[in-house]
Amino acid sequence: MTKIFLWEVCIMGVFRKGNRWYIDYYFLGRRKREVVTITGKNPSDVTLRDAEKALAIRKAEIAQGKFDIKMTEKPIKIETLIRSYLEWADENHKSPARDHTACKNLVRLLRGKDIQSLSLWHIEKYKSNRKKQGRKPETINKELGVLRRMFNLAYKGVLNIKINNNPLKGLTLLTVPKIRRRVLKDSEFQALYKSSSEHLKPILLCAYMTGMRRSEIAKLRWKNVDLEDGFIHVVESKNNESRTIPIAKALLETLLILKDQSRGDYVFTHCGDKHYTSATSWRRAWNSAMKKSDIDRCRFHDLRHTFISNLIVNEKEDFATVMELSGHKDISMLKHYSHTREEAKRNAINKLNIRYSNGVLNRHKLKTK
């Protein structure tokens, strides 16, 4: 029971607005106005006497410490919170399209629920429903991450909706199986390149020889490509830090041809001069090339893995140089790529085998003669 001091409560009175009666008072320094509702009565049938009685009841509840202000607050629907969050995301996120996509699914399964009535049980049901729909753990986690973020922001008062407690505190994400990093052999990339459409080939070459992310390639503009000195300046990156990548000769020759044909601001375009805007850019062309090349399944992002692994494992480049080229900020992330080449592992074991055979094994043979 909360102890209330007299100076913290100020009863104002009753008033009529339109066809409804209201009671007006202060509680803990906060002004409250409540519409008077009587079970079984239409709002227009509520009288002044009813309003005065409602005010007396509220006054008695406050005096006895039985008043819970939360009971008078109008429930906020999840749709209202999501709408507020998306307005914030549009202003603060670099790629708000992802938030909009996640929120479409959240609204579909949580529509109509009051945000304070949500519980972790509802979230478990949400996970179960999405699994039944065939969604992968990564997709479900992205949606839950957005939901958790919007509740945290509302609790901190960042959004225009403020909540006093977070009902989703303790929300846990699904366990995601570790994805084996796929690195293409030289022969596999050549097969993929030959099987690709003409507009996809320059994109593949750029990914293979620069390690740029899909989004960075799609947003690349000619003003950030120095064809004279041979550099690509990545200004729109995932971690918001720019970097410069030298252009290999084969890629430079391709870019020079594209520049002569280009009539727009973007380097890579489709259907004339339309630049790529979707998060799934060139997916259809990629899937078609994969099918024709007849190589083991891989993702477009694996070209970035291949670029990094080639530099670290095959070319023995130092981590600092590779980090500047790839845009990684954490060396621990980069170390994952140094263990992706089975051939490199085999070569390492073969070296050990040769060392053993020339040494210990030969001495053993001499002793047995």
Protein backbone atom coordinates (compact mmCIF):
# COMPACT_ATOMS: atom_id res chain seq x y z
CA MET A 1 0.00 0.00 0.00
CA THR A 2 1.41 3.40 -1.03
CA LYS A 3 1.49 6.09 1.65
CA ILE A 4 -0.13 9.29 0.32
CA PHE A 5 0.37 12.70 1.91
CA LEU A 6 -2.53 15.18 1.85
CA TRP A 7 -0.56 17.74 -0.13
CA GLU A 8 -0.10 15.18 -2.90
CA VAL A 9 -3.85 14.94 -3.60
CA CYS A 10 -5.97 17.85 -4.77
CA ILE A 11 -9.66 17.25 -5.64
CA MET A 12 -10.77 19.68 -8.34
CA GLY A 13 -14.40 18.78 -8.99
CA VAL A 14 -16.71 17.67 -11.78
CA PHE A 15 -17.45 19.19 -15.17
CA ARG A 16 -19.45 18.41 -18.28
CA LYS A 17 -18.05 18.29 -21.80
CA GLY A 18 -20.34 17.49 -24.68
CA ASN A 19 -22.76 14.85 -23.41
CA ARG A 20 -20.40 13.38 -20.83
CA TRP A 21 -19.54 14.12 -17.19
CA TYR A 22 -15.94 14.08 -15.97
CA ILE A 23 -14.20 14.13 -12.59
CA ASP A 24 -11.04 16.22 -12.27
CA TYR A 25 -8.32 15.82 -9.61
CA TYR A 26 -4.56 15.75 -8.96
CA PHE A 27 -2.79 12.64 -7.72
CA LEU A 28 0.94 12.60 -6.87
CA GLY A 29 1.42 15.84 -8.77
CA ARG A 30 -0.29 14.47 -11.86
CA ARG A 31 -3.61 15.83 -13.06
CA LYS A 32 -6.22 13.21 -13.89
CA ARG A 33 -9.47 13.65 -15.77
CA GLU A 34 -11.79 10.67 -15.96
CA VAL A 35 -15.00 10.26 -17.87
CA VAL A 36 -17.77 9.02 -15.60
CA THR A 37 -19.19 5.70 -16.72
CA ILE A 38 -22.04 3.85 -15.07
CA THR A 39 -22.65 0.20 -15.88
CA GLY A 40 -25.94 -0.19 -17.73
CA LYS A 41 -26.26 3.55 -18.51
CA ASN A 42 -25.58 5.37 -21.77
CA PRO A 43 -23.00 8.19 -21.44
CA SER A 44 -25.72 10.77 -22.18
CA ASP A 45 -27.84 9.45 -19.29
CA VAL A 46 -25.15 10.01 -16.62
CA THR A 47 -26.20 12.85 -14.29
CA LEU A 48 -24.42 15.45 -12.18
CA ARG A 49 -25.34 13.40 -9.11
CA ASP A 50 -23.65 10.34 -10.64
CA ALA A 51 -20.51 12.39 -11.31
CA GLU A 52 -20.41 13.76 -7.74
CA LYS A 53 -20.82 10.23 -6.41
CA ALA A 54 -17.97 8.98 -8.61
CA LEU A 55 -15.76 11.79 -7.31
CA ALA A 56 -16.60 10.91 -3.71
CA ILE A 57 -15.70 7.26 -4.35
CA ARG A 58 -12.36 8.24 -5.90
CA LYS A 59 -11.65 10.57 -2.95
CA ALA A 60 -12.33 7.75 -0.49
CA GLU A 61 -10.08 5.32 -2.40
CA ILE A 62 -7.23 7.84 -2.34
CA ALA A 63 -7.68 8.53 1.39
CA GLN A 64 -7.63 4.80 2.17
CA GLY A 65 -4.61 4.12 -0.04
CA LYS A 66 -6.64 1.81 -2.30
CA PHE A 67 -6.38 3.88 -5.45
CA ASP A 68 -4.36 2.42 -8.35
CA ILE A 69 -3.81 5.05 -11.02
CA LYS A 70 -3.01 2.39 -13.61
CA MET A 71 -6.66 1.30 -13.55
CA THR A 72 -7.68 4.69 -14.93
CA GLU A 73 -5.21 4.75 -17.79
CA LYS A 74 -6.53 4.01 -21.25
CA PRO A 75 -5.06 0.74 -22.61
CA ILE A 76 -2.54 1.20 -25.41
CA LYS A 77 -2.84 -1.21 -28.31
CA ILE A 78 0.25 -2.86 -29.78
CA GLU A 79 -0.57 -1.25 -33.14
CA THR A 80 -0.24 2.22 -31.56
CA LEU A 81 3.16 1.38 -30.07
CA ILE A 82 4.38 -0.09 -33.36
CA ARG A 83 3.22 3.02 -35.24
CA SER A 84 5.16 5.23 -32.80
CA TYR A 85 8.25 3.03 -33.08
CA LEU A 86 8.25 3.07 -36.90
CA GLU A 87 8.09 6.89 -36.88
CA TRP A 88 11.20 6.84 -34.69
CA ALA A 89 12.91 4.20 -36.89
CA ASP A 90 12.28 6.25 -40.05
CA GLU A 91 14.18 9.12 -38.47
CA ASN A 92 16.96 7.20 -36.72
CA HIS A 93 17.67 3.97 -38.62
CA LYS A 94 19.74 3.71 -41.73
CA SER A 95 17.60 0.88 -43.13
CA PRO A 96 14.10 1.32 -41.63
CA ALA A 97 12.66 -1.03 -44.26
CA ARG A 98 13.78 -3.95 -42.09
CA ASP A 99 11.80 -2.55 -39.14
CA HIS A 100 8.70 -2.15 -41.31
CA THR A 101 8.98 -5.75 -42.55
CA ALA A 102 9.37 -7.12 -39.03
CA CYS A 103 6.47 -5.04 -37.72
CA LYS A 104 4.09 -6.34 -40.40
CA ASN A 105 4.44 -9.83 -38.93
CA LEU A 106 4.25 -8.55 -35.36
CA VAL A 107 0.97 -6.76 -36.06
CA ARG A 108 -0.44 -9.78 -37.86
CA LEU A 109 -0.05 -12.04 -34.82
CA LEU A 110 -0.38 -9.56 -31.93
CA ARG A 111 -3.11 -7.28 -33.33
CA GLY A 112 -5.59 -5.89 -30.78
CA LYS A 113 -3.59 -6.75 -27.67
CA ASP A 114 -2.97 -4.15 -24.96
CA ILE A 115 0.76 -3.61 -24.49
CA GLN A 116 0.59 -3.95 -20.70
CA SER A 117 -1.33 -7.20 -21.01
CA LEU A 118 1.42 -8.75 -23.12
CA SER A 119 3.56 -11.30 -21.34
CA LEU A 120 6.43 -13.65 -22.09
CA TRP A 121 3.79 -16.36 -22.58
CA HIS A 122 2.46 -14.41 -25.59
CA ILE A 123 6.00 -14.23 -26.96
CA GLU A 124 6.42 -17.99 -26.65
CA LYS A 125 3.16 -18.40 -28.58
CA TYR A 126 4.48 -15.99 -31.19
CA LYS A 127 7.66 -18.05 -31.58
CA SER A 128 5.62 -21.23 -31.92
CA ASN A 129 3.31 -19.74 -34.57
CA ARG A 130 6.20 -18.40 -36.64
CA LYS A 131 7.95 -21.76 -36.48
CA LYS A 132 4.79 -23.47 -37.75
CA GLN A 133 4.79 -20.99 -40.63
CA GLY A 134 8.22 -22.28 -41.57
CA ARG A 135 10.21 -19.23 -40.55
CA LYS A 136 13.88 -19.66 -39.64
CA PRO A 137 15.18 -18.79 -36.14
CA GLU A 138 17.18 -15.87 -37.60
CA THR A 139 14.00 -14.32 -39.02
CA ILE A 140 12.02 -14.80 -35.81
CA ASN A 141 14.88 -13.32 -33.74
CA LYS A 142 14.98 -10.22 -35.94
CA GLU A 143 11.26 -9.67 -35.33
CA LEU A 144 11.59 -10.24 -31.59
CA GLY A 145 14.59 -7.91 -31.52
CA VAL A 146 12.47 -5.14 -32.99
CA LEU A 147 9.68 -5.83 -30.46
CA ARG A 148 12.13 -5.77 -27.55
CA ARG A 149 13.70 -2.55 -28.82
CA MET A 150 10.39 -0.71 -29.09
CA PHE A 151 9.37 -1.67 -25.52
CA ASN A 152 12.76 -0.58 -24.18
CA LEU A 153 12.46 2.77 -25.98
CA ALA A 154 8.93 3.29 -24.68
CA TYR A 155 10.08 2.50 -21.14
CA LYS A 156 12.96 4.98 -21.43
CA GLY A 157 10.59 7.67 -22.74
CA VAL A 158 12.26 7.92 -26.15
CA LEU A 159 9.01 7.33 -28.05
CA ASN A 160 5.90 9.51 -27.75
CA ILE A 161 4.35 6.62 -25.81
CA LYS A 162 5.63 6.15 -22.24
CA ILE A 163 5.19 2.93 -20.26
CA ASN A 164 5.96 2.58 -16.56
CA ASN A 165 7.13 -1.02 -16.69
CA ASN A 166 8.36 -3.33 -19.43
CA PRO A 167 6.21 -6.49 -19.57
CA LEU A 168 8.71 -8.15 -21.91
CA LYS A 169 11.72 -7.83 -19.62
CA GLY A 170 13.62 -11.12 -19.80
CA LEU A 171 12.63 -11.90 -23.38
CA THR A 172 14.95 -14.54 -24.83
CA LEU A 173 15.75 -15.22 -28.45
CA LEU A 174 15.86 -18.54 -30.24
CA THR A 175 19.08 -20.49 -30.55
CA VAL A 176 20.44 -20.10 -34.08
CA PRO A 177 22.51 -22.96 -35.51
CA LYS A 178 25.98 -21.83 -36.51
CA ILE A 179 26.25 -21.35 -40.25
CA ARG A 180 29.28 -22.89 -41.89
CA ARG A 181 31.09 -20.18 -43.79
CA ARG A 182 31.13 -21.12 -47.43
CA VAL A 183 34.25 -20.23 -49.42
CA LEU A 184 34.21 -20.68 -53.18
CA LYS A 185 37.07 -22.37 -54.93
CA ASP A 186 38.51 -20.54 -57.95
CA SER A 187 36.88 -23.07 -60.27
CA GLU A 188 33.50 -22.59 -58.56
CA PHE A 189 33.62 -18.82 -58.96
CA GLN A 190 34.56 -19.19 -62.63
CA ALA A 191 31.60 -21.54 -63.17
CA LEU A 192 29.27 -19.12 -61.38
CA TYR A 193 30.59 -16.15 -63.34
CA LYS A 194 30.19 -17.89 -66.71
CA SER A 195 26.63 -18.93 -65.82
CA SER A 196 25.56 -15.41 -64.83
CA SER A 197 23.57 -12.89 -66.86
CA GLU A 198 25.49 -9.96 -68.34
CA HIS A 199 24.21 -7.44 -65.80
CA LEU A 200 25.13 -9.72 -62.86
CA LYS A 201 28.72 -10.45 -63.97
CA PRO A 202 30.15 -7.01 -63.01
CA ILE A 203 28.41 -7.28 -59.63
CA LEU A 204 29.95 -10.70 -58.97
CA LEU A 205 33.37 -9.47 -60.00
CA CYS A 206 33.08 -6.47 -57.68
CA ALA A 207 32.07 -8.67 -54.72
CA TYR A 208 34.81 -11.21 -55.44
CA MET A 209 37.60 -8.65 -55.83
CA THR A 210 36.61 -6.09 -53.18
CA GLY A 211 34.75 -8.04 -50.47
CA MET A 212 32.06 -5.35 -50.42
CA ARG A 213 28.71 -6.18 -48.86
CA ARG A 214 25.57 -6.50 -50.99
CA SER A 215 24.16 -3.20 -49.68
CA GLU A 216 27.47 -1.39 -50.30
CA ILE A 217 27.58 -2.61 -53.91
CA ALA A 218 23.93 -1.69 -54.54
CA LYS A 219 24.47 1.85 -53.21
CA LEU A 220 27.82 2.47 -54.95
CA ARG A 221 27.81 5.74 -56.96
CA TRP A 222 30.19 6.87 -59.66
CA LYS A 223 31.21 9.90 -57.60
CA ASN A 224 32.78 7.46 -55.11
CA VAL A 225 34.73 5.54 -57.77
CA ASP A 226 38.11 6.99 -58.74
CA LEU A 227 38.81 5.36 -62.10
CA GLU A 228 41.91 7.49 -62.71
CA ASP A 229 43.83 6.46 -59.58
CA GLY A 230 41.99 3.15 -59.20
CA PHE A 231 40.11 3.36 -55.88
CA ILE A 232 36.59 2.67 -54.61
CA HIS A 233 35.54 4.81 -51.66
CA VAL A 234 32.89 3.03 -49.58
CA VAL A 235 30.99 5.79 -47.79
CA GLU A 236 27.73 3.99 -46.94
CA SER A 237 28.85 1.02 -44.85
CA LYS A 238 27.25 -1.19 -42.21
CA ASN A 239 29.25 0.33 -39.34
CA ASN A 240 29.00 3.91 -40.70
CA GLU A 241 32.77 4.09 -41.25
CA SER A 242 34.14 4.81 -44.71
CA ARG A 243 37.02 2.88 -46.25
CA THR A 244 39.02 2.86 -49.47
CA ILE A 245 39.61 -0.23 -51.62
CA PRO A 246 42.11 -0.36 -54.51
CA ILE A 247 40.56 -1.57 -57.77
CA ALA A 248 42.11 -4.71 -59.29
CA LYS A 249 42.95 -4.52 -62.99
CA ALA A 250 40.21 -6.93 -64.13
CA LEU A 251 37.57 -5.01 -62.19
CA LEU A 252 38.91 -1.65 -63.40
CA GLU A 253 38.52 -2.73 -67.03
CA THR A 254 34.93 -3.76 -66.35
CA LEU A 255 34.12 -0.50 -64.55
CA LEU A 256 35.53 1.56 -67.42
CA ILE A 257 33.15 -0.20 -69.82
CA LEU A 258 30.21 0.35 -67.45
CA LYS A 259 31.09 4.03 -67.09
CA ASP A 260 30.98 4.54 -70.85
CA GLN A 261 27.52 2.96 -70.95
CA SER A 262 26.16 4.61 -67.80
CA ARG A 263 23.69 7.50 -67.85
CA GLY A 264 22.98 7.66 -64.11
CA ASP A 265 24.59 8.18 -60.71
CA TYR A 266 24.80 4.53 -59.68
CA VAL A 267 27.45 2.08 -60.84
CA PHE A 268 25.32 -1.06 -60.96
CA THR A 269 21.85 -0.81 -62.48
CA HIS A 270 19.16 -2.96 -64.06
CA CYS A 271 16.39 -2.45 -66.61
CA GLY A 272 18.21 0.48 -68.15
CA ASP A 273 19.37 2.91 -65.48
CA LYS A 274 17.30 1.79 -62.48
CA HIS A 275 19.48 1.37 -59.40
CA TYR A 276 18.98 -1.42 -56.88
CA THR A 277 16.99 -0.51 -53.76
CA SER A 278 15.77 -3.83 -52.34
CA ALA A 279 17.52 -5.77 -49.59
CA THR A 280 17.19 -8.77 -51.91
CA SER A 281 18.78 -7.09 -54.92
CA TRP A 282 19.53 -9.34 -57.90
CA ARG A 283 18.19 -12.43 -56.03
CA ARG A 284 16.48 -13.86 -59.11
CA ALA A 285 19.59 -13.44 -61.26
CA TRP A 286 21.72 -14.98 -58.51
CA ASN A 287 19.46 -18.02 -58.10
CA SER A 288 19.42 -18.54 -61.85
CA ALA A 289 23.24 -18.43 -62.04
CA MET A 290 23.51 -20.85 -59.10
CA LYS A 291 21.24 -23.33 -60.83
CA LYS A 292 23.09 -23.14 -64.15
CA SER A 293 26.57 -23.35 -62.59
CA ASP A 294 25.73 -26.60 -60.78
CA ILE A 295 27.97 -25.77 -57.80
CA ASP A 296 27.19 -26.39 -54.14
CA ARG A 297 24.64 -24.03 -52.67
CA CYS A 298 25.97 -20.72 -51.33
CA ARG A 299 24.81 -17.18 -50.59
CA PHE A 300 25.89 -13.93 -52.22
CA HIS A 301 27.52 -12.94 -48.91
CA ASP A 302 29.83 -15.95 -49.29
CA LEU A 303 31.71 -13.99 -51.95
CA ARG A 304 32.76 -11.66 -49.13
CA HIS A 305 33.85 -14.68 -47.11
CA THR A 306 35.83 -15.88 -50.13
CA PHE A 307 37.57 -12.51 -50.57
CA ILE A 308 38.65 -12.38 -46.92
CA SER A 309 39.69 -16.02 -46.76
CA ASN A 310 41.73 -15.71 -49.96
CA LEU A 311 43.68 -12.81 -48.51
CA ILE A 312 44.30 -14.39 -45.09
CA VAL A 313 44.78 -18.06 -45.98
CA ASN A 314 46.10 -18.05 -49.53
CA GLU A 315 47.93 -14.74 -49.73
CA LYS A 316 49.01 -14.64 -46.05
CA GLU A 317 48.04 -10.98 -45.68
CA ASP A 318 48.14 -9.54 -42.17
CA PHE A 319 44.90 -8.99 -40.29
CA ALA A 320 45.34 -5.21 -40.06
CA THR A 321 45.45 -4.84 -43.85
CA VAL A 322 42.49 -7.16 -44.38
CA MET A 323 40.45 -5.30 -41.76
CA GLU A 324 41.00 -2.02 -43.59
CA LEU A 325 39.82 -3.63 -46.84
CA SER A 326 36.82 -5.49 -45.40
CA GLY A 327 35.66 -2.85 -42.95
CA HIS A 328 35.74 -5.13 -39.90
CA LYS A 329 36.29 -3.32 -36.60
CA ASP A 330 36.77 -6.39 -34.41
CA ILE A 331 39.70 -8.69 -35.14
CA SER A 332 37.89 -11.59 -33.41
CA MET A 333 35.30 -11.51 -36.21
CA LEU A 334 38.02 -11.66 -38.81
CA LYS A 335 39.64 -14.68 -37.22
CA HIS A 336 36.59 -16.76 -38.14
CA TYR A 337 37.50 -16.40 -41.79
CA SER A 338 40.98 -17.80 -41.32
CA HIS A 339 39.55 -21.27 -40.66
CA THR A 340 37.30 -21.64 -43.67
CA ARG A 341 39.62 -23.33 -46.16
CA GLU A 342 39.68 -27.11 -45.89
CA GLU A 343 42.46 -27.19 -48.48
CA ALA A 344 44.61 -24.94 -46.31
CA LYS A 345 44.07 -27.27 -43.37
CA ARG A 346 45.05 -30.25 -45.49
CA ASN A 347 48.22 -28.49 -46.64
CA ALA A 348 49.14 -27.72 -43.03
CA ILE A 349 48.74 -31.38 -42.03
CA ASN A 350 50.73 -32.49 -45.08
CA LYS A 351 53.62 -30.25 -44.03
CA LEU A 352 53.56 -31.84 -40.60
CA ASN A 353 53.46 -35.28 -42.17
CA ILE A 354 56.52 -34.48 -44.35
CA ARG A 355 58.40 -33.21 -41.31
CA TYR A 356 57.55 -36.36 -39.37
CA SER A 357 58.38 -38.68 -42.28
CA ASN A 358 61.78 -37.08 -42.88
CA GLY A 359 62.70 -37.14 -39.23
CA VAL A 360 61.22 -39.50 -36.68
CA LEU A 361 59.96 -42.04 -39.21
CA ASN A 362 63.37 -42.39 -40.96
CA ARG A 363 65.18 -42.85 -37.65
CA HIS A 364 62.65 -45.48 -36.70
CA LYS A 365 63.32 -47.37 -39.93
CA LEU A 366 67.08 -47.33 -39.27
CA LYS A 367 66.61 -48.86 -35.84
CA THR A 368 64.51 -51.72 -37.19
CA LYS A 369 67.08 -52.81 -39.80
